[in-house]
Amino acid sequence: MNLGLQKKRKLCSVSGRNDLEKLALEGWAARRREDLLGLLNQLDKQIAELDEAVKEAAQLHPKA
């Protein structure tokens, strides 16, 4: 998949993700990218829900 795109940590940014989505891939490589981006979306949603729960719990405990 290395087609000259080496963003390393920058790949986790919004622009890095856009670059990854625009990258022309064929066959199974495209399928893997779609599957992995779908999993990333699910994880982002779960993390956001957990972050919100932690914030709410912290507000109930002044020492938190």
PDB file of N, CA and C in Angstrom:
ATOM      1  N   MET A   1       0.819  -1.187   0.000  1.00  0.00           N
ATOM      2  CA  MET A   1       0.000   0.000   0.000  1.00  0.00           C
ATOM      3  C   MET A   1       0.861   1.248   0.000  1.00  0.00           C
ATOM      4  N   ASN A   2       2.123   1.124   0.141  1.00  0.00           N
ATOM      5  CA  ASN A   2       2.997   2.289   0.163  1.00  0.00           C
ATOM      6  C   ASN A   2       3.155   2.832  -1.250  1.00  0.00           C
ATOM      7  N   LEU A   3       2.360   3.828  -1.547  1.00  0.00           N
ATOM      8  CA  LEU A   3       2.408   4.460  -2.861  1.00  0.00           C
ATOM      9  C   LEU A   3       2.953   5.872  -2.743  1.00  0.00           C
ATOM     10  N   GLY A   4       3.952   6.053  -1.873  1.00  0.00           N
ATOM     11  CA  GLY A   4       4.529   7.367  -1.672  1.00  0.00           C
ATOM     12  C   GLY A   4       3.825   8.183  -0.614  1.00  0.00           C
ATOM     13  N   LEU A   5       2.843   7.620   0.059  1.00  0.00           N
ATOM     14  CA  LEU A   5       2.108   8.331   1.098  1.00  0.00           C
ATOM     15  C   LEU A   5       2.628   7.851   2.442  1.00  0.00           C
ATOM     16  N   GLN A   6       3.451   8.656   3.086  1.00  0.00           N
ATOM     17  CA  GLN A   6       4.003   8.305   4.385  1.00  0.00           C
ATOM     18  C   GLN A   6       3.710   9.435   5.350  1.00  0.00           C
ATOM     19  N   LYS A   7       2.602   9.366   6.009  1.00  0.00           N
ATOM     20  CA  LYS A   7       2.186  10.439   6.905  1.00  0.00           C
ATOM     21  C   LYS A   7       2.436  10.093   8.365  1.00  0.00           C
ATOM     22  N   LYS A   8       2.666   8.846   8.665  1.00  0.00           N
ATOM     23  CA  LYS A   8       2.894   8.373  10.028  1.00  0.00           C
ATOM     24  C   LYS A   8       1.826   8.935  10.956  1.00  0.00           C
ATOM     25  N   ARG A   9       2.206   9.723  11.945  1.00  0.00           N
ATOM     26  CA  ARG A   9       1.232  10.236  12.914  1.00  0.00           C
ATOM     27  C   ARG A   9       0.243  11.227  12.302  1.00  0.00           C
ATOM     28  N   LYS A  10       0.639  11.884  11.236  1.00  0.00           N
ATOM     29  CA  LYS A  10      -0.255  12.841  10.586  1.00  0.00           C
ATOM     30  C   LYS A  10      -1.450  12.139   9.944  1.00  0.00           C
ATOM     31  N   LEU A  11      -1.348  10.837   9.753  1.00  0.00           N
ATOM     32  CA  LEU A  11      -2.445  10.075   9.166  1.00  0.00           C
ATOM     33  C   LEU A  11      -3.669  10.080  10.078  1.00  0.00           C
ATOM     34  N   CYS A  12      -3.461  10.309  11.361  1.00  0.00           N
ATOM     35  CA  CYS A  12      -4.562  10.343  12.322  1.00  0.00           C
ATOM     36  C   CYS A  12      -5.302  11.669  12.329  1.00  0.00           C
ATOM     37  N   SER A  13      -4.854  12.635  11.553  1.00  0.00           N
ATOM     38  CA  SER A  13      -5.528  13.925  11.480  1.00  0.00           C
ATOM     39  C   SER A  13      -6.668  13.859  10.464  1.00  0.00           C
ATOM     40  N   VAL A  14      -7.476  14.884  10.453  1.00  0.00           N
ATOM     41  CA  VAL A  14      -8.592  14.943   9.504  1.00  0.00           C
ATOM     42  C   VAL A  14      -8.059  14.972   8.074  1.00  0.00           C
ATOM     43  N   SER A  15      -7.038  15.777   7.828  1.00  0.00           N
ATOM     44  CA  SER A  15      -6.499  15.851   6.462  1.00  0.00           C
ATOM     45  C   SER A  15      -5.811  14.541   6.067  1.00  0.00           C
ATOM     46  N   GLY A  16      -5.154  13.895   7.035  1.00  0.00           N
ATOM     47  CA  GLY A  16      -4.512  12.611   6.755  1.00  0.00           C
ATOM     48  C   GLY A  16      -5.528  11.545   6.402  1.00  0.00           C
ATOM     49  N   ARG A  17      -6.638  11.540   7.138  1.00  0.00           N
ATOM     50  CA  ARG A  17      -7.691  10.573   6.840  1.00  0.00           C
ATOM     51  C   ARG A  17      -8.310  10.850   5.465  1.00  0.00           C
ATOM     52  N   ASN A  18      -8.495  12.113   5.142  1.00  0.00           N
ATOM     53  CA  ASN A  18      -9.028  12.459   3.820  1.00  0.00           C
ATOM     54  C   ASN A  18      -8.100  11.971   2.715  1.00  0.00           C
ATOM     55  N   ASP A  19      -6.787  12.153   2.930  1.00  0.00           N
ATOM     56  CA  ASP A  19      -5.814  11.669   1.946  1.00  0.00           C
ATOM     57  C   ASP A  19      -5.903  10.157   1.783  1.00  0.00           C
ATOM     58  N   LEU A  20      -6.063   9.465   2.898  1.00  0.00           N
ATOM     59  CA  LEU A  20      -6.170   8.002   2.857  1.00  0.00           C
ATOM     60  C   LEU A  20      -7.423   7.566   2.102  1.00  0.00           C
ATOM     61  N   GLU A  21      -8.534   8.251   2.345  1.00  0.00           N
ATOM     62  CA  GLU A  21      -9.783   7.901   1.671  1.00  0.00           C
ATOM     63  C   GLU A  21      -9.715   8.182   0.172  1.00  0.00           C
ATOM     64  N   LYS A  22      -8.943   9.186  -0.234  1.00  0.00           N
ATOM     65  CA  LYS A  22      -8.826   9.539  -1.651  1.00  0.00           C
ATOM     66  C   LYS A  22      -7.843   8.649  -2.401  1.00  0.00           C
ATOM     67  N   LEU A  23      -6.991   7.957  -1.666  1.00  0.00           N
ATOM     68  CA  LEU A  23      -5.964   7.134  -2.283  1.00  0.00           C
ATOM     69  C   LEU A  23      -6.608   6.039  -3.125  1.00  0.00           C
ATOM     70  N   ALA A  24      -6.198   5.943  -4.367  1.00  0.00           N
ATOM     71  CA  ALA A  24      -6.771   4.952  -5.282  1.00  0.00           C
ATOM     72  C   ALA A  24      -6.220   3.566  -4.936  1.00  0.00           C
ATOM     73  N   LEU A  25      -7.101   2.714  -4.478  1.00  0.00           N
ATOM     74  CA  LEU A  25      -6.740   1.330  -4.160  1.00  0.00           C
ATOM     75  C   LEU A  25      -7.680   0.402  -4.911  1.00  0.00           C
ATOM     76  N   GLU A  26      -7.197  -0.776  -5.197  1.00  0.00           N
ATOM     77  CA  GLU A  26      -8.008  -1.738  -5.946  1.00  0.00           C
ATOM     78  C   GLU A  26      -8.207  -3.006  -5.126  1.00  0.00           C
ATOM     79  N   GLY A  27      -9.258  -3.696  -5.441  1.00  0.00           N
ATOM     80  CA  GLY A  27      -9.499  -5.027  -4.900  1.00  0.00           C
ATOM     81  C   GLY A  27      -9.534  -5.093  -3.393  1.00  0.00           C
ATOM     82  N   TRP A  28      -8.783  -6.051  -2.866  1.00  0.00           N
ATOM     83  CA  TRP A  28      -8.804  -6.317  -1.431  1.00  0.00           C
ATOM     84  C   TRP A  28      -8.210  -5.183  -0.617  1.00  0.00           C
ATOM     85  N   ALA A  29      -7.280  -4.444  -1.181  1.00  0.00           N
ATOM     86  CA  ALA A  29      -6.704  -3.311  -0.454  1.00  0.00           C
ATOM     87  C   ALA A  29      -7.781  -2.262  -0.181  1.00  0.00           C
ATOM     88  N   ALA A  30      -8.625  -1.997  -1.162  1.00  0.00           N
ATOM     89  CA  ALA A  30      -9.729  -1.056  -0.984  1.00  0.00           C
ATOM     90  C   ALA A  30     -10.717  -1.596   0.041  1.00  0.00           C
ATOM     91  N   ARG A  31     -10.987  -2.875  -0.026  1.00  0.00           N
ATOM     92  CA  ARG A  31     -11.908  -3.506   0.932  1.00  0.00           C
ATOM     93  C   ARG A  31     -11.367  -3.420   2.353  1.00  0.00           C
ATOM     94  N   ARG A  32     -10.077  -3.698   2.524  1.00  0.00           N
ATOM     95  CA  ARG A  32      -9.457  -3.611   3.857  1.00  0.00           C
ATOM     96  C   ARG A  32      -9.539  -2.188   4.391  1.00  0.00           C
ATOM     97  N   ARG A  33      -9.272  -1.216   3.522  1.00  0.00           N
ATOM     98  CA  ARG A  33      -9.344   0.181   3.954  1.00  0.00           C
ATOM     99  C   ARG A  33     -10.754   0.528   4.417  1.00  0.00           C
ATOM    100  N   GLU A  34     -11.758   0.137   3.644  1.00  0.00           N
ATOM    101  CA  GLU A  34     -13.141   0.414   4.025  1.00  0.00           C
ATOM    102  C   GLU A  34     -13.495  -0.240   5.351  1.00  0.00           C
ATOM    103  N   ASP A  35     -13.103  -1.498   5.514  1.00  0.00           N
ATOM    104  CA  ASP A  35     -13.390  -2.213   6.756  1.00  0.00           C
ATOM    105  C   ASP A  35     -12.710  -1.550   7.948  1.00  0.00           C
ATOM    106  N   LEU A  36     -11.444  -1.198   7.784  1.00  0.00           N
ATOM    107  CA  LEU A  36     -10.697  -0.589   8.885  1.00  0.00           C
ATOM    108  C   LEU A  36     -11.213   0.808   9.222  1.00  0.00           C
ATOM    109  N   LEU A  37     -11.591   1.579   8.220  1.00  0.00           N
ATOM    110  CA  LEU A  37     -12.166   2.896   8.492  1.00  0.00           C
ATOM    111  C   LEU A  37     -13.514   2.764   9.185  1.00  0.00           C
ATOM    112  N   GLY A  38     -14.274   1.745   8.846  1.00  0.00           N
ATOM    113  CA  GLY A  38     -15.532   1.490   9.540  1.00  0.00           C
ATOM    114  C   GLY A  38     -15.301   1.150  11.003  1.00  0.00           C
ATOM    115  N   LEU A  39     -14.300   0.314  11.271  1.00  0.00           N
ATOM    116  CA  LEU A  39     -13.958  -0.013  12.656  1.00  0.00           C
ATOM    117  C   LEU A  39     -13.486   1.229  13.408  1.00  0.00           C
ATOM    118  N   LEU A  40     -12.712   2.064  12.739  1.00  0.00           N
ATOM    119  CA  LEU A  40     -12.241   3.299  13.359  1.00  0.00           C
ATOM    120  C   LEU A  40     -13.417   4.199  13.725  1.00  0.00           C
ATOM    121  N   ASN A  41     -14.403   4.283  12.862  1.00  0.00           N
ATOM    122  CA  ASN A  41     -15.603   5.075  13.158  1.00  0.00           C
ATOM    123  C   ASN A  41     -16.316   4.542  14.392  1.00  0.00           C
ATOM    124  N   GLN A  42     -16.439   3.217  14.494  1.00  0.00           N
ATOM    125  CA  GLN A  42     -17.087   2.605  15.658  1.00  0.00           C
ATOM    126  C   GLN A  42     -16.305   2.892  16.931  1.00  0.00           C
ATOM    127  N   LEU A  43     -14.993   2.764  16.867  1.00  0.00           N
ATOM    128  CA  LEU A  43     -14.163   3.027  18.045  1.00  0.00           C
ATOM    129  C   LEU A  43     -14.241   4.493  18.458  1.00  0.00           C
ATOM    130  N   ASP A  44     -14.230   5.401  17.492  1.00  0.00           N
ATOM    131  CA  ASP A  44     -14.349   6.823  17.807  1.00  0.00           C
ATOM    132  C   ASP A  44     -15.663   7.114  18.528  1.00  0.00           C
ATOM    133  N   LYS A  45     -16.734   6.477  18.080  1.00  0.00           N
ATOM    134  CA  LYS A  45     -18.034   6.674  18.707  1.00  0.00           C
ATOM    135  C   LYS A  45     -18.024   6.130  20.141  1.00  0.00           C
ATOM    136  N   GLN A  46     -17.470   4.935  20.340  1.00  0.00           N
ATOM    137  CA  GLN A  46     -17.408   4.345  21.677  1.00  0.00           C
ATOM    138  C   GLN A  46     -16.548   5.197  22.613  1.00  0.00           C
ATOM    139  N   ILE A  47     -15.433   5.688  22.109  1.00  0.00           N
ATOM    140  CA  ILE A  47     -14.548   6.518  22.928  1.00  0.00           C
ATOM    141  C   ILE A  47     -15.245   7.817  23.326  1.00  0.00           C
ATOM    142  N   ALA A  48     -15.973   8.419  22.406  1.00  0.00           N
ATOM    143  CA  ALA A  48     -16.699   9.658  22.708  1.00  0.00           C
ATOM    144  C   ALA A  48     -17.742   9.409  23.793  1.00  0.00           C
ATOM    145  N   GLU A  49     -18.445   8.281  23.722  1.00  0.00           N
ATOM    146  CA  GLU A  49     -19.445   7.947  24.742  1.00  0.00           C
ATOM    147  C   GLU A  49     -18.777   7.732  26.097  1.00  0.00           C
ATOM    148  N   LEU A  50     -17.649   7.034  26.107  1.00  0.00           N
ATOM    149  CA  LEU A  50     -16.927   6.809  27.362  1.00  0.00           C
ATOM    150  C   LEU A  50     -16.375   8.117  27.929  1.00  0.00           C
ATOM    151  N   ASP A  51     -15.860   8.979  27.085  1.00  0.00           N
ATOM    152  CA  ASP A  51     -15.372  10.283  27.537  1.00  0.00           C
ATOM    153  C   ASP A  51     -16.486  11.079  28.206  1.00  0.00           C
ATOM    154  N   GLU A  52     -17.650  11.050  27.605  1.00  0.00           N
ATOM    155  CA  GLU A  52     -18.792  11.774  28.166  1.00  0.00           C
ATOM    156  C   GLU A  52     -19.182  11.190  29.526  1.00  0.00           C
ATOM    157  N   ALA A  53     -19.185   9.870  29.639  1.00  0.00           N
ATOM    158  CA  ALA A  53     -19.522   9.230  30.908  1.00  0.00           C
ATOM    159  C   ALA A  53     -18.504   9.593  31.995  1.00  0.00           C
ATOM    160  N   VAL A  54     -17.248   9.654  31.640  1.00  0.00           N
ATOM    161  CA  VAL A  54     -16.202  10.021  32.602  1.00  0.00           C
ATOM    162  C   VAL A  54     -16.380  11.474  33.044  1.00  0.00           C
ATOM    163  N   LYS A  55     -16.681  12.360  32.113  1.00  0.00           N
ATOM    164  CA  LYS A  55     -16.901  13.765  32.465  1.00  0.00           C
ATOM    165  C   LYS A  55     -18.072  13.907  33.431  1.00  0.00           C
ATOM    166  N   GLU A  56     -19.152  13.183  33.147  1.00  0.00           N
ATOM    167  CA  GLU A  56     -20.323  13.249  34.020  1.00  0.00           C
ATOM    168  C   GLU A  56     -19.998  12.699  35.410  1.00  0.00           C
ATOM    169  N   ALA A  57     -19.274  11.600  35.475  1.00  0.00           N
ATOM    170  CA  ALA A  57     -18.902  11.018  36.762  1.00  0.00           C
ATOM    171  C   ALA A  57     -17.973  11.952  37.527  1.00  0.00           C
ATOM    172  N   ALA A  58     -17.071  12.619  36.838  1.00  0.00           N
ATOM    173  CA  ALA A  58     -16.133  13.525  37.481  1.00  0.00           C
ATOM    174  C   ALA A  58     -16.856  14.747  38.064  1.00  0.00           C
ATOM    175  N   GLN A  59     -17.913  15.190  37.414  1.00  0.00           N
ATOM    176  CA  GLN A  59     -18.658  16.327  37.915  1.00  0.00           C
ATOM    177  C   GLN A  59     -19.383  16.002  39.227  1.00  0.00           C
ATOM    178  N   LEU A  60     -19.679  14.737  39.443  1.00  0.00           N
ATOM    179  CA  LEU A  60     -20.359  14.319  40.668  1.00  0.00           C
ATOM    180  C   LEU A  60     -19.400  14.205  41.847  1.00  0.00           C
ATOM    181  N   HIS A  61     -18.117  14.137  41.583  1.00  0.00           N
ATOM    182  CA  HIS A  61     -17.118  13.967  42.644  1.00  0.00           C
ATOM    183  C   HIS A  61     -16.137  15.139  42.595  1.00  0.00           C
ATOM    184  N   PRO A  62     -16.220  16.028  43.551  1.00  0.00           N
ATOM    185  CA  PRO A  62     -15.363  17.223  43.537  1.00  0.00           C
ATOM    186  C   PRO A  62     -13.872  16.932  43.547  1.00  0.00           C
ATOM    187  N   LYS A  63     -13.452  15.800  44.095  1.00  0.00           N
ATOM    188  CA  LYS A  63     -12.021  15.479  44.164  1.00  0.00           C
ATOM    189  C   LYS A  63     -11.481  14.871  42.862  1.00  0.00           C
ATOM    190  N   ALA A  64     -12.372  14.618  41.929  1.00  0.00           N
ATOM    191  CA  ALA A  64     -11.941  13.977  40.687  1.00  0.00           C
ATOM    192  C   ALA A  64     -11.140  14.907  39.817  1.00  0.00           C
TER     193      ALA A  64
END
